[in-house]
Amino acid sequence: MNFPGTKVPRVAAEEWRALVRNRVAMIASLTLAALLVTSALLGVEQRNATQAARARYQATADETFDAQPDRHPHRMVHYGQFVFRPLSTLAFIDPGVDGFTGNTVFLEGHRQNSANFSEARQSSLLLRFGQLTPAFVLQTLAPLLIIFLAFGAVAREREQGTLRLLVAQGLRPSEFAAGKLLAHVGVVAAIAAPALLVLVAAALAGLAPPVPSLLMASGYLVYLSIWAATALLVSLLVRRARDSLLVLVAAWMGVVILAPRILPELAVARLPTPTRIETDVAIHHELKQIGDSHNPDDPYFSEFKAKTLARYGVEKVEQLPVQWAGLVGMEGERLTSGLFDRHAREAFAREAEQNRLVRRFGVISPLIAMRQLSMSLAATDTESHQDFLEQVERHRYAFVQALNLLQVTKIPNQNAGADPRISADHWKTLPGFTYRPPDVLLLAGGRIRDNLLVLMGWLAVLLVGCGLAARRLEATR
C-alpha cells in the first residue's frame, strides 16, 4: 500500500540516485564544491592579510606623522595624514565594491580627497571579470551547475517514456514534480553547504555578526532554490531535454552575465555623474564667488575682519591676542568644507539614485537582488563605503581645524619671525582616526528587506508556475 505522502520522497530519492550515478554530474558538483571551499579559505586568508596590511600601513602613517619635527602648524595641514579603510568581517564572503572604490584617503587642508589605491586599478583586467570569492561562485557558477543537473528532470523522463510508465502505475504528475523539486532543493543545499558552513562557523565563533550571517545564508539558499525551481519549470513546460537546456542557458546568460553589466551602464547614461575634474572646477568657481582671504577689499572677509575685531574689542588685527592668519585659515576651512560637503552629498544622492534604478531591475534579474543583499549584509556595498567617507571627512575637518587652532593660539600675532614653529609634541595630541563600522541592519535595513522580498517573490512565483505546469501535465496524461 502506497501512501500519497511517501511518493514524493521516493521520487526525490530516485532523482538523487540517478544524479549520483551520473559521473559528469558528480564531477561537476565536486569541482564546484572544491571551488567553494577554496574560495572561502582564500577569502578568509585574503581578508585577514589585507586587514593586517592596512592596519600596519595605518600604524606606520600615524607614527610618521607623530615623528615630524617642530614646524609651523599650517605646514602640517599640508603634510596631511593617510587613513586606510578597515575591512568588514564578512568581506571574506563578498568583498563587494572594495576592490574598485579605493581604500586609502589622504587628509589635507583646503580639499576633500576621495578614496584611492583600489585593487582594480593596480591589478590585471582579470579582477574586473570577477574575483574567485564565495559570492562569485554562489551567484554565478552555482546556478549554471543547477541548470545542468536539473534541465532534464522532467523533459528527459518524458522523452524516455518513463514518465508515462510512472503515471500508469498511479503516480500523480504533481507528486512527480514535487519529488523532483525536493530532490533539486536538496542539491541546492548540498552545493551551498561548504560556504554556508564556513559562514555559520564564523558566526558561532563570534568572528562574524550572527544576524547578518544568518540572513546571508538564507538569501543564498533562496537564490539557488530560484534556479532549481526555474530549471524544473522549464523542464515541465518543454517537451525535449535539449530545448530545456537551451532555454535555461539563455536565461542564465541574460540574467547572470548580461543584465548586471548592462543595467549599471544604463543607469549612468540616464543619471550622468560629473567627472572629478568637472567637480573640482565647479568647487573652485564657487570658492572664488565666496571670497578671497588674500584680497583686503574682499566683501566677505572684510566683514569677517570687522566681526572679529569687534569680538575681541580691538581696532586693528595687529592688536588681536591671537594670530589673525590662523583665524582666516579656520574661516576659510569652514567655508571650503561646507562646499565639499554639499558636493559630496549631491554625488552620494546621484549614486543612490543610480543604485535605486538598478535595484528596480531586481524584478527581472534575481542576481541583482542577491548581489545587493549580499553586499549590504557584508558591509561592502557603496552605502557602506560612503559611510566610511563621511566619517573620514568629519575627522579631516576636525584634524585640520585642530592644526589651525594651534596656529591661532601658539603662533604670535606679531614679530613671530621668518619661520615660526611650535613644538613637535603637539602632533601627538591630535586625535587619530578610528573607524566605527556601521550596523548593517540599521544602515541598510530597508534595502535588505526589499531584496529579500524580491527573492522570496521570485521563488513564490516560480513555485506557483511549477504547480500550474504540473496540473497541465496531469490534465494531458
Protein backbone atom coordinates (compact mmCIF):
# COMPACT_ATOMS: atom_id res chain seq x y z
CA MET A 1 0.00 0.00 0.00
CA ASN A 2 1.39 3.34 -1.02
CA PHE A 3 0.59 6.49 0.94
CA PRO A 4 0.44 9.70 -1.13
CA GLY A 5 2.96 11.37 1.14
CA THR A 6 5.56 8.66 0.59
CA LYS A 7 5.67 9.00 -3.19
CA VAL A 8 7.28 12.43 -3.20
CA PRO A 9 10.34 11.37 -1.13
CA ARG A 10 10.65 8.24 -3.26
CA VAL A 11 10.74 10.30 -6.45
CA ALA A 12 13.34 12.56 -4.83
CA ALA A 13 15.40 9.56 -3.73
CA GLU A 14 15.30 8.13 -7.26
CA GLU A 15 16.44 11.50 -8.68
CA TRP A 16 19.34 11.66 -6.23
CA ARG A 17 20.28 8.07 -7.11
CA ALA A 18 20.30 8.98 -10.81
CA LEU A 19 22.46 12.05 -10.14
CA VAL A 20 24.94 10.02 -8.10
CA ARG A 21 25.24 7.52 -10.97
CA ASN A 22 25.88 10.36 -13.42
CA ARG A 23 29.66 10.75 -13.46
CA VAL A 24 29.56 14.11 -15.22
CA ALA A 25 27.14 15.49 -12.65
CA MET A 26 29.23 14.17 -9.78
CA ILE A 27 32.49 15.55 -11.18
CA ALA A 28 30.89 18.94 -11.82
CA SER A 29 29.37 19.02 -8.32
CA LEU A 30 32.64 18.03 -6.65
CA THR A 31 34.50 20.62 -8.70
CA LEU A 32 32.11 23.35 -7.62
CA ALA A 33 32.32 22.21 -4.00
CA ALA A 34 36.12 22.36 -4.24
CA LEU A 35 35.88 25.84 -5.74
CA LEU A 36 33.62 26.96 -2.89
CA VAL A 37 35.91 25.55 -0.21
CA THR A 38 38.96 27.04 -1.92
CA SER A 39 37.33 30.44 -2.43
CA ALA A 40 36.12 30.51 1.20
CA LEU A 41 39.58 29.65 2.56
CA LEU A 42 41.23 32.10 0.16
CA GLY A 43 38.66 34.72 1.13
CA VAL A 44 39.42 34.32 4.84
CA GLU A 45 43.17 34.38 4.20
CA GLN A 46 42.99 37.36 1.83
CA ARG A 47 40.67 39.30 4.09
CA ASN A 48 42.92 38.77 7.12
CA ALA A 49 46.07 39.60 5.14
CA THR A 50 44.52 42.75 3.68
CA GLN A 51 43.21 43.85 7.06
CA ALA A 52 46.63 43.26 8.68
CA ALA A 53 48.38 45.17 5.88
CA ARG A 54 46.04 48.14 6.18
CA ALA A 55 46.42 48.18 9.98
CA ARG A 56 50.21 48.09 9.54
CA TYR A 57 50.14 50.91 6.98
CA GLN A 58 47.87 52.94 9.24
CA ALA A 59 50.22 52.50 12.21
CA THR A 60 53.21 53.48 10.05
CA ALA A 61 51.43 56.57 8.73
CA ASP A 62 50.44 57.62 12.26
CA GLU A 63 53.98 57.10 13.57
CA THR A 64 55.44 59.08 10.68
CA PHE A 65 53.05 61.95 11.36
CA ASP A 66 53.80 61.95 15.10
CA ALA A 67 57.54 61.90 14.35
CA GLN A 68 57.50 65.16 12.39
CA PRO A 69 59.88 67.82 13.79
CA ASP A 70 58.97 71.25 15.14
CA ARG A 71 57.02 73.01 12.41
CA HIS A 72 54.52 75.71 11.60
CA PRO A 73 51.04 74.17 12.08
CA HIS A 74 49.96 75.19 8.58
CA ARG A 75 52.78 73.12 7.12
CA MET A 76 51.37 70.14 8.99
CA VAL A 77 47.97 70.92 7.45
CA HIS A 78 49.54 70.40 4.04
CA TYR A 79 51.73 67.49 5.22
CA GLY A 80 48.44 65.72 5.83
CA GLN A 81 47.58 62.29 7.08
CA PHE A 82 46.74 58.94 5.49
CA VAL A 83 43.67 56.92 6.51
CA PHE A 84 43.09 53.29 5.47
CA ARG A 85 39.65 51.73 5.38
CA PRO A 86 39.33 48.59 7.57
CA LEU A 87 37.61 45.57 6.02
CA SER A 88 34.34 44.21 7.38
CA THR A 89 34.25 40.72 8.89
CA LEU A 90 32.03 39.24 6.18
CA ALA A 91 34.19 40.66 3.38
CA PHE A 92 35.70 37.19 3.01
CA ILE A 93 32.34 36.01 1.59
CA ASP A 94 31.62 39.07 -0.53
CA PRO A 95 34.29 41.81 -0.94
CA GLY A 96 31.72 43.88 -2.86
CA VAL A 97 32.92 47.20 -4.22
CA ASP A 98 36.02 47.37 -2.01
CA GLY A 99 38.35 46.40 -4.87
CA PHE A 100 37.01 49.21 -7.06
CA THR A 101 36.26 52.16 -4.79
CA GLY A 102 39.69 52.55 -3.23
CA ASN A 103 40.72 52.06 0.36
CA THR A 104 43.04 54.96 1.23
CA VAL A 105 42.22 58.63 1.76
CA PHE A 106 44.80 61.40 2.09
CA LEU A 107 43.61 64.04 4.55
CA GLU A 108 44.76 67.61 3.99
CA GLY A 109 43.52 71.15 4.30
CA HIS A 110 41.55 73.06 1.66
CA ARG A 111 40.38 69.94 -0.21
CA GLN A 112 38.42 66.75 0.24
CA ASN A 113 40.08 63.74 -1.37
CA SER A 114 38.20 60.63 -2.38
CA ALA A 115 39.44 57.11 -1.64
CA ASN A 116 42.26 55.92 -3.87
CA PHE A 117 44.56 52.95 -4.49
CA SER A 118 41.83 50.50 -5.47
CA GLU A 119 42.87 46.92 -6.23
CA ALA A 120 41.16 47.05 -9.63
CA ARG A 121 43.44 49.90 -10.73
CA GLN A 122 46.55 48.09 -9.59
CA SER A 123 45.70 44.59 -10.79
CA SER A 124 45.17 42.92 -14.13
CA LEU A 125 41.93 43.11 -16.06
CA LEU A 126 41.02 39.67 -14.73
CA LEU A 127 39.94 41.24 -11.46
CA ARG A 128 37.27 43.21 -13.29
CA PHE A 129 35.70 39.99 -14.58
CA GLY A 130 35.17 38.69 -11.07
CA GLN A 131 37.28 37.56 -8.16
CA LEU A 132 37.21 33.94 -7.05
CA THR A 133 35.14 34.54 -3.94
CA PRO A 134 32.33 32.50 -2.38
CA ALA A 135 29.89 35.19 -3.54
CA PHE A 136 31.09 34.88 -7.16
CA VAL A 137 30.87 31.08 -7.10
CA LEU A 138 27.40 31.06 -5.49
CA GLN A 139 25.97 33.89 -7.60
CA THR A 140 27.45 32.99 -11.00
CA LEU A 141 28.71 29.40 -11.22
CA ALA A 142 26.34 27.53 -8.90
CA PRO A 143 23.21 28.46 -10.95
CA LEU A 144 24.89 27.04 -14.06
CA LEU A 145 25.58 23.74 -12.26
CA ILE A 146 21.98 23.60 -11.03
CA ILE A 147 20.81 24.09 -14.62
CA PHE A 148 22.96 21.21 -15.89
CA LEU A 149 21.73 18.96 -13.08
CA ALA A 150 18.02 19.78 -13.39
CA PHE A 151 17.31 20.69 -17.01
CA GLY A 152 16.18 17.15 -17.87
CA ALA A 153 14.42 16.38 -14.59
CA VAL A 154 11.04 16.04 -16.34
CA ALA A 155 11.76 16.50 -20.03
CA ARG A 156 14.21 13.62 -20.22
CA GLU A 157 11.80 11.22 -18.48
CA ARG A 158 9.11 12.34 -20.86
CA GLU A 159 11.40 11.65 -23.84
CA GLN A 160 12.38 8.22 -22.50
CA GLY A 161 8.75 7.29 -21.76
CA THR A 162 9.39 6.63 -18.07
CA LEU A 163 7.04 9.44 -17.07
CA ARG A 164 4.14 7.68 -18.82
CA LEU A 165 5.01 4.41 -17.05
CA LEU A 166 5.16 6.08 -13.65
CA VAL A 167 1.81 7.77 -14.19
CA ALA A 168 0.30 4.49 -15.37
CA GLN A 169 1.44 2.95 -12.05
CA GLY A 170 -0.56 5.52 -10.10
CA LEU A 171 1.94 8.34 -9.57
CA ARG A 172 0.28 11.70 -9.99
CA PRO A 173 2.23 14.22 -12.11
CA SER A 174 2.00 16.77 -9.28
CA GLU A 175 3.67 14.25 -6.94
CA PHE A 176 6.26 13.56 -9.59
CA ALA A 177 7.01 17.29 -9.96
CA ALA A 178 7.10 17.78 -6.17
CA GLY A 179 9.56 14.90 -5.81
CA LYS A 180 11.81 16.38 -8.49
CA LEU A 181 11.67 19.78 -6.80
CA LEU A 182 12.51 18.24 -3.42
CA ALA A 183 15.47 16.45 -4.98
CA HIS A 184 16.93 19.58 -6.52
CA VAL A 185 16.32 21.72 -3.43
CA GLY A 186 18.42 19.09 -1.66
CA VAL A 187 21.05 19.51 -4.37
CA VAL A 188 20.98 23.28 -3.75
CA ALA A 189 21.60 22.73 -0.04
CA ALA A 190 24.48 20.37 -0.83
CA ILE A 191 26.04 22.83 -3.30
CA ALA A 192 25.86 25.78 -0.91
CA ALA A 193 26.87 23.76 2.15
CA PRO A 194 30.66 24.39 2.10
CA ALA A 195 30.40 28.19 2.01
CA LEU A 196 27.40 28.34 4.31
CA LEU A 197 29.08 26.08 6.88
CA VAL A 198 32.07 28.42 6.93
CA LEU A 199 29.68 31.34 7.37
CA VAL A 200 27.78 29.67 10.21
CA ALA A 201 31.02 28.56 11.88
CA ALA A 202 32.34 32.13 11.75
CA ALA A 203 29.10 33.41 13.31
CA LEU A 204 29.12 30.75 16.05
CA ALA A 205 32.77 31.51 16.82
CA GLY A 206 31.96 35.19 17.22
CA LEU A 207 34.05 36.16 14.20
CA ALA A 208 31.05 37.37 12.19
CA PRO A 209 27.80 39.10 13.20
CA PRO A 210 25.17 36.35 13.70
CA VAL A 211 22.02 38.00 12.29
CA PRO A 212 23.61 39.29 9.04
CA SER A 213 25.33 35.89 8.66
CA LEU A 214 22.01 34.06 9.06
CA LEU A 215 20.26 36.42 6.63
CA MET A 216 23.06 36.00 4.10
CA ALA A 217 22.90 32.18 4.31
CA SER A 218 19.10 32.30 3.95
CA GLY A 219 19.35 34.66 0.99
CA TYR A 220 21.76 32.40 -0.88
CA LEU A 221 19.56 29.34 -0.24
CA VAL A 222 16.51 31.18 -1.60
CA TYR A 223 18.52 32.45 -4.59
CA LEU A 224 19.79 28.98 -5.54
CA SER A 225 16.32 27.49 -4.96
CA ILE A 226 15.04 30.02 -7.50
CA TRP A 227 17.34 28.45 -10.10
CA ALA A 228 16.23 24.93 -9.13
CA ALA A 229 12.57 25.95 -9.47
CA THR A 230 13.32 27.69 -12.79
CA ALA A 231 15.00 24.59 -14.18
CA LEU A 232 12.10 22.40 -13.08
CA LEU A 233 9.51 24.79 -14.53
CA VAL A 234 11.22 24.89 -17.93
CA SER A 235 11.68 21.13 -17.86
CA LEU A 236 7.93 20.78 -17.15
CA LEU A 237 6.96 23.12 -19.99
CA VAL A 238 9.15 21.96 -22.89
CA ARG A 239 8.94 18.53 -24.49
CA ARG A 240 12.64 17.85 -25.13
CA ALA A 241 15.56 17.98 -22.72
CA ARG A 242 17.72 19.68 -25.34
CA ASP A 243 15.24 22.56 -25.64
CA SER A 244 15.09 22.84 -21.85
CA LEU A 245 18.87 23.19 -21.68
CA LEU A 246 18.93 25.83 -24.43
CA VAL A 247 16.24 27.92 -22.72
CA LEU A 248 17.90 27.70 -19.30
CA VAL A 249 21.40 28.53 -20.55
CA ALA A 250 19.98 31.52 -22.44
CA ALA A 251 18.19 32.64 -19.27
CA TRP A 252 21.43 32.24 -17.26
CA MET A 253 23.37 34.33 -19.76
CA GLY A 254 20.74 37.04 -19.78
CA VAL A 255 20.17 37.18 -16.03
CA VAL A 256 23.69 36.48 -14.71
CA ILE A 257 26.04 37.71 -17.44
CA LEU A 258 24.35 40.46 -19.45
CA ALA A 259 21.86 42.20 -17.14
CA PRO A 260 24.30 43.01 -14.29
CA ARG A 261 26.71 44.58 -16.78
CA ILE A 262 24.24 46.46 -18.96
CA LEU A 263 21.96 47.89 -16.26
CA PRO A 264 24.63 49.94 -14.42
CA GLU A 265 25.68 51.45 -17.75
CA LEU A 266 22.06 52.37 -18.46
CA ALA A 267 21.78 53.92 -15.00
CA VAL A 268 24.91 56.03 -15.59
CA ALA A 269 23.64 57.07 -19.04
CA ARG A 270 20.29 58.13 -17.58
CA LEU A 271 21.76 59.78 -14.48
CA PRO A 272 25.20 61.01 -15.57
CA THR A 273 27.81 61.80 -12.93
CA PRO A 274 30.24 64.72 -13.33
CA THR A 275 33.88 63.75 -13.66
CA ARG A 276 36.35 64.57 -10.88
CA ILE A 277 37.81 67.41 -12.96
CA GLU A 278 34.36 68.91 -13.57
CA THR A 279 33.62 68.75 -9.85
CA ASP A 280 36.95 70.37 -8.94
CA VAL A 281 36.34 73.18 -11.45
CA ALA A 282 32.84 73.77 -10.05
CA ILE A 283 34.15 73.91 -6.46
CA HIS A 284 36.96 76.26 -7.45
CA HIS A 285 34.46 78.55 -9.22
CA GLU A 286 32.20 78.65 -6.16
CA LEU A 287 35.17 79.33 -3.89
CA LYS A 288 36.03 82.36 -5.97
CA GLN A 289 32.48 83.61 -5.55
CA ILE A 290 32.58 83.19 -1.76
CA GLY A 291 35.59 85.42 -1.28
CA ASP A 292 39.36 85.79 -1.38
CA SER A 293 41.06 85.94 2.01
CA HIS A 294 44.20 87.46 0.41
CA ASN A 295 42.24 90.41 -1.02
CA PRO A 296 41.93 93.21 1.60
CA ASP A 297 38.90 94.62 -0.27
CA ASP A 298 37.03 91.33 -0.47
CA PRO A 299 33.49 91.94 0.89
CA TYR A 300 33.11 88.66 2.76
CA PHE A 301 36.49 88.69 4.51
CA SER A 302 36.21 92.42 5.18
CA GLU A 303 33.01 91.69 7.08
CA PHE A 304 34.66 88.73 8.82
CA LYS A 305 37.52 91.01 9.85
CA ALA A 306 35.12 93.61 11.26
CA LYS A 307 33.25 90.98 13.29
CA THR A 308 36.50 89.53 14.61
CA LEU A 309 37.83 92.92 15.71
CA ALA A 310 34.52 93.68 17.41
CA ARG A 311 34.53 90.30 19.21
CA TYR A 312 37.99 90.93 20.66
CA GLY A 313 37.32 94.66 21.26
CA VAL A 314 40.28 95.96 19.22
CA GLU A 315 40.64 98.24 16.19
CA LYS A 316 43.42 96.54 14.22
CA VAL A 317 44.33 92.95 13.51
CA GLU A 318 47.79 93.69 14.92
CA GLN A 319 46.13 94.20 18.30
CA LEU A 320 44.47 90.79 18.32
CA PRO A 321 45.65 88.47 21.15
CA VAL A 322 45.59 85.56 18.71
CA GLN A 323 47.09 85.14 15.26
CA TRP A 324 44.96 86.74 12.56
CA ALA A 325 46.22 84.49 9.72
CA GLY A 326 45.18 81.44 11.72
CA LEU A 327 41.66 82.83 12.20
CA VAL A 328 41.40 83.45 8.45
CA GLY A 329 42.61 79.90 7.83
CA MET A 330 39.95 78.46 10.15
CA GLU A 331 37.20 80.51 8.49
CA GLY A 332 38.44 79.52 5.02
CA GLU A 333 38.47 75.85 6.01
CA ARG A 334 34.91 76.15 7.34
CA LEU A 335 33.75 77.66 4.06
CA THR A 336 35.54 75.17 1.80
CA SER A 337 34.41 72.20 3.91
CA GLY A 338 30.82 73.37 3.58
CA LEU A 339 31.25 73.36 -0.20
CA PHE A 340 32.91 69.93 -0.15
CA ASP A 341 30.10 68.54 1.99
CA ARG A 342 27.42 69.87 -0.34
CA HIS A 343 29.09 68.48 -3.46
CA ALA A 344 29.72 65.15 -1.69
CA ARG A 345 26.05 64.94 -0.66
CA GLU A 346 24.98 65.67 -4.24
CA ALA A 347 27.36 62.98 -5.55
CA PHE A 348 26.09 60.46 -2.97
CA ALA A 349 22.49 61.33 -3.91
CA ARG A 350 23.24 60.71 -7.61
CA GLU A 351 24.90 57.38 -6.80
CA ALA A 352 21.96 56.41 -4.59
CA GLU A 353 19.51 57.23 -7.40
CA GLN A 354 21.60 55.16 -9.84
CA ASN A 355 21.62 52.26 -7.37
CA ARG A 356 17.86 52.56 -6.86
CA LEU A 357 17.38 52.44 -10.62
CA VAL A 358 19.47 49.27 -10.88
CA ARG A 359 17.71 47.70 -7.88
CA ARG A 360 14.33 48.14 -9.57
CA PHE A 361 15.57 45.71 -12.21
CA GLY A 362 15.92 43.08 -9.49
CA VAL A 363 12.38 42.25 -10.56
CA ILE A 364 13.77 40.89 -13.86
CA SER A 365 17.11 39.61 -12.53
CA PRO A 366 17.23 37.89 -9.12
CA LEU A 367 21.02 38.12 -9.32
CA ILE A 368 20.82 41.89 -8.84
CA ALA A 369 18.68 41.47 -5.73
CA MET A 370 21.02 38.75 -4.42
CA ARG A 371 24.14 40.79 -5.14
CA GLN A 372 22.73 43.86 -3.40
CA LEU A 373 21.58 41.76 -0.44
CA SER A 374 24.96 40.05 -0.13
CA MET A 375 26.98 43.29 -0.28
CA SER A 376 24.67 45.08 2.16
CA LEU A 377 24.94 42.27 4.73
CA ALA A 378 28.72 42.08 4.24
CA ALA A 379 29.01 45.90 4.63
CA THR A 380 30.87 46.08 1.33
CA ASP A 381 28.29 47.99 -0.74
CA THR A 382 28.54 51.59 -1.92
CA GLU A 383 26.47 52.85 1.02
CA SER A 384 28.96 51.35 3.50
CA HIS A 385 31.80 52.93 1.52
CA GLN A 386 30.01 56.29 1.67
CA ASP A 387 29.60 55.87 5.43
CA PHE A 388 33.39 55.44 5.66
CA LEU A 389 33.98 58.58 3.53
CA GLU A 390 31.60 60.62 5.70
CA GLN A 391 33.38 59.53 8.88
CA VAL A 392 36.73 60.34 7.24
CA GLU A 393 35.54 63.81 6.23
CA ARG A 394 34.35 64.58 9.76
CA HIS A 395 37.77 63.53 11.05
CA ARG A 396 39.58 65.53 8.32
CA TYR A 397 37.71 68.71 9.28
CA ALA A 398 38.44 68.23 13.00
CA PHE A 399 42.10 67.38 12.23
CA VAL A 400 42.70 70.44 10.03
CA GLN A 401 40.85 72.79 12.37
CA ALA A 402 42.85 71.47 15.34
CA LEU A 403 46.06 72.39 13.49
CA ASN A 404 44.63 75.76 12.51
CA LEU A 405 43.72 76.35 16.17
CA LEU A 406 47.34 75.60 17.13
CA GLN A 407 48.38 78.28 14.67
CA VAL A 408 45.86 80.71 16.16
CA THR A 409 46.88 80.14 19.77
CA LYS A 410 50.56 79.12 19.61
CA ILE A 411 52.00 81.35 16.86
CA PRO A 412 52.43 85.01 17.94
CA ASN A 413 50.32 87.50 16.06
CA GLN A 414 53.26 89.88 15.68
CA ASN A 415 57.03 89.51 15.49
CA ALA A 416 56.77 85.75 15.02
CA GLY A 417 59.95 85.69 12.97
CA ALA A 418 60.63 84.41 9.45
CA ASP A 419 59.93 80.76 10.22
CA PRO A 420 57.76 80.43 13.31
CA ARG A 421 57.37 76.88 14.63
CA ILE A 422 55.75 75.08 17.53
CA SER A 423 56.86 72.01 19.44
CA ALA A 424 56.51 68.62 17.79
CA ASP A 425 54.84 67.37 20.98
CA HIS A 426 51.62 68.94 19.72
CA TRP A 427 51.35 66.48 16.82
CA LYS A 428 50.90 63.63 19.29
CA THR A 429 47.95 65.38 20.95
CA LEU A 430 45.89 65.33 17.75
CA PRO A 431 43.25 62.58 17.71
CA GLY A 432 43.82 59.67 15.32
CA PHE A 433 41.14 58.31 13.04
CA THR A 434 39.04 55.46 14.42
CA TYR A 435 36.56 53.93 12.00
CA ARG A 436 33.27 52.85 13.57
CA PRO A 437 31.78 50.07 11.43
CA PRO A 438 28.09 50.67 10.78
CA ASP A 439 25.36 48.34 12.00
CA VAL A 440 24.30 46.95 8.61
CA LEU A 441 20.79 46.23 9.90
CA LEU A 442 20.38 49.95 10.67
CA LEU A 443 22.30 51.30 7.68
CA ALA A 444 20.71 49.02 5.08
CA GLY A 445 17.67 47.54 6.83
CA GLY A 446 15.23 48.74 4.17
CA ARG A 447 17.36 47.51 1.27
CA ILE A 448 17.94 44.14 2.96
CA ARG A 449 14.19 43.70 3.50
CA ASP A 450 13.33 44.75 -0.08
CA ASN A 451 15.90 42.44 -1.67
CA LEU A 452 14.79 39.51 0.48
CA LEU A 453 11.18 40.17 -0.54
CA VAL A 454 12.19 40.27 -4.22
CA LEU A 455 13.96 36.91 -3.91
CA MET A 456 11.07 35.33 -2.00
CA GLY A 457 8.64 36.77 -4.53
CA TRP A 458 10.65 35.20 -7.36
CA LEU A 459 10.63 31.83 -5.60
CA ALA A 460 6.89 32.03 -4.83
CA VAL A 461 6.01 32.87 -8.45
CA LEU A 462 8.17 30.03 -9.77
CA LEU A 463 6.66 27.53 -7.34
CA VAL A 464 3.17 28.58 -8.41
CA GLY A 465 4.31 28.22 -12.03
CA CYS A 466 5.60 24.71 -11.30
CA GLY A 467 2.28 23.84 -9.68
CA LEU A 468 0.31 25.10 -12.70
CA ALA A 469 2.64 23.32 -15.13
CA ALA A 470 2.24 20.08 -13.15
CA ARG A 471 -1.55 20.46 -13.31
CA ARG A 472 -1.34 20.91 -17.07
CA LEU A 473 0.79 17.76 -17.20
CA GLU A 474 -1.88 15.97 -15.19
CA ALA A 475 -4.63 17.19 -17.50
CA THR A 476 -2.84 15.84 -20.59
CA ARG A 477 -1.86 12.45 -19.22
